[in-house]
């Protein structure tokens, strides 16, 4: 998981994350990772529209969001 987060920071990718909160609630969020620490990471959360701190251990899954641009001629 840490490698995915660090790669996201390096390449500026947005991630789709399945996250479990402290009380067991599971949510799906789109985040842009800003900084990765020892046990947590800082990211901009598009669901909450603010910078948030997430625990790495509570991330259930993380995949890069691939945005395809359409070309109009």
C-alpha atoms as a PDB file:
ATOM      1  CA  UNK A   1       0.000   0.000   0.000  1.00  0.00           C
ATOM      2  CA  UNK A   2       2.800   2.398   0.891  1.00  0.00           C
ATOM      3  CA  UNK A   3       4.372   1.977  -2.574  1.00  0.00           C
ATOM      4  CA  UNK A   4       1.065   2.866  -4.250  1.00  0.00           C
ATOM      5  CA  UNK A   5       0.769   6.011  -2.128  1.00  0.00           C
ATOM      6  CA  UNK A   6       4.379   7.064  -2.758  1.00  0.00           C
ATOM      7  CA  UNK A   7       3.976   6.459  -6.498  1.00  0.00           C
ATOM      8  CA  UNK A   8       0.830   8.589  -6.451  1.00  0.00           C
ATOM      9  CA  UNK A   9       2.773  11.482  -4.886  1.00  0.00           C
ATOM     10  CA  UNK A  10       5.661  11.114  -7.351  1.00  0.00           C
ATOM     11  CA  UNK A  11       3.451  11.112 -10.468  1.00  0.00           C
ATOM     12  CA  UNK A  12       0.658  13.368  -9.191  1.00  0.00           C
ATOM     13  CA  UNK A  13      -1.988  10.676  -9.691  1.00  0.00           C
ATOM     14  CA  UNK A  14      -5.441  10.740  -8.165  1.00  0.00           C
ATOM     15  CA  UNK A  15      -6.423   7.568  -6.285  1.00  0.00           C
ATOM     16  CA  UNK A  16      -9.751   5.891  -5.679  1.00  0.00           C
ATOM     17  CA  UNK A  17      -9.565   4.601  -2.098  1.00  0.00           C
ATOM     18  CA  UNK A  18     -11.751   2.261  -0.049  1.00  0.00           C
ATOM     19  CA  UNK A  19     -11.261   3.502   3.505  1.00  0.00           C
ATOM     20  CA  UNK A  20     -12.473   2.248   6.883  1.00  0.00           C
ATOM     21  CA  UNK A  21     -12.946   4.923   9.554  1.00  0.00           C
ATOM     22  CA  UNK A  22     -12.218   4.440  13.262  1.00  0.00           C
ATOM     23  CA  UNK A  23     -15.832   3.451  13.941  1.00  0.00           C
ATOM     24  CA  UNK A  24     -15.897   0.854  11.138  1.00  0.00           C
ATOM     25  CA  UNK A  25     -17.690   2.887   8.475  1.00  0.00           C
ATOM     26  CA  UNK A  26     -16.433   2.086   4.970  1.00  0.00           C
ATOM     27  CA  UNK A  27     -16.332   4.816   2.341  1.00  0.00           C
ATOM     28  CA  UNK A  28     -15.096   5.165  -1.217  1.00  0.00           C
ATOM     29  CA  UNK A  29     -13.144   8.372  -1.812  1.00  0.00           C
ATOM     30  CA  UNK A  30     -11.126  10.053  -4.510  1.00  0.00           C
ATOM     31  CA  UNK A  31      -7.981  11.575  -3.078  1.00  0.00           C
ATOM     32  CA  UNK A  32      -4.836  13.300  -4.263  1.00  0.00           C
ATOM     33  CA  UNK A  33      -1.996  12.221  -1.970  1.00  0.00           C
ATOM     34  CA  UNK A  34       0.167  15.125  -0.809  1.00  0.00           C
ATOM     35  CA  UNK A  35       2.532  13.530   1.726  1.00  0.00           C
ATOM     36  CA  UNK A  36       3.224  10.024   3.070  1.00  0.00           C
ATOM     37  CA  UNK A  37       4.380   9.522   6.678  1.00  0.00           C
ATOM     38  CA  UNK A  38       5.208   6.496   8.834  1.00  0.00           C
ATOM     39  CA  UNK A  39       1.666   5.353   9.621  1.00  0.00           C
ATOM     40  CA  UNK A  40      -0.498   7.976   7.908  1.00  0.00           C
ATOM     41  CA  UNK A  41      -0.732  10.096   4.788  1.00  0.00           C
ATOM     42  CA  UNK A  42      -2.020  13.570   4.010  1.00  0.00           C
ATOM     43  CA  UNK A  43      -4.316  13.960   1.010  1.00  0.00           C
ATOM     44  CA  UNK A  44      -6.885  16.236  -0.536  1.00  0.00           C
ATOM     45  CA  UNK A  45     -10.239  14.435  -0.275  1.00  0.00           C
ATOM     46  CA  UNK A  46     -12.629  15.286  -3.126  1.00  0.00           C
ATOM     47  CA  UNK A  47     -15.586  13.854  -1.133  1.00  0.00           C
ATOM     48  CA  UNK A  48     -15.075  16.245   1.808  1.00  0.00           C
ATOM     49  CA  UNK A  49     -13.428  18.976  -0.333  1.00  0.00           C
ATOM     50  CA  UNK A  50     -10.607  19.480   2.167  1.00  0.00           C
ATOM     51  CA  UNK A  51      -7.182  18.215   3.182  1.00  0.00           C
ATOM     52  CA  UNK A  52      -7.443  15.179   5.447  1.00  0.00           C
ATOM     53  CA  UNK A  53      -5.118  12.787   7.287  1.00  0.00           C
ATOM     54  CA  UNK A  54      -5.712   9.071   6.688  1.00  0.00           C
ATOM     55  CA  UNK A  55      -4.221   6.056   8.477  1.00  0.00           C
ATOM     56  CA  UNK A  56      -2.406   3.769   6.038  1.00  0.00           C
ATOM     57  CA  UNK A  57      -3.596   0.715   7.981  1.00  0.00           C
ATOM     58  CA  UNK A  58      -7.249   1.679   7.406  1.00  0.00           C
ATOM     59  CA  UNK A  59      -6.935   1.762   3.610  1.00  0.00           C
ATOM     60  CA  UNK A  60      -8.617  -1.371   2.275  1.00  0.00           C
ATOM     61  CA  UNK A  61      -7.829  -0.756  -1.421  1.00  0.00           C
ATOM     62  CA  UNK A  62      -6.288   1.967  -3.563  1.00  0.00           C
ATOM     63  CA  UNK A  63      -6.214   2.188  -7.363  1.00  0.00           C
ATOM     64  CA  UNK A  64      -5.121   5.025  -9.672  1.00  0.00           C
ATOM     65  CA  UNK A  65      -7.907   6.944 -11.393  1.00  0.00           C
ATOM     66  CA  UNK A  66      -7.331   6.915 -15.125  1.00  0.00           C
ATOM     67  CA  UNK A  67      -8.784   9.940 -16.889  1.00  0.00           C
ATOM     68  CA  UNK A  68      -9.180   9.580 -20.634  1.00  0.00           C
ATOM     69  CA  UNK A  69      -9.420  12.788 -22.586  1.00  0.00           C
ATOM     70  CA  UNK A  70     -11.722  12.882 -25.583  1.00  0.00           C
ATOM     71  CA  UNK A  71     -10.461  14.631 -28.682  1.00  0.00           C
ATOM     72  CA  UNK A  72     -12.917  16.647 -30.728  1.00  0.00           C
ATOM     73  CA  UNK A  73     -11.891  17.434 -34.264  1.00  0.00           C
END
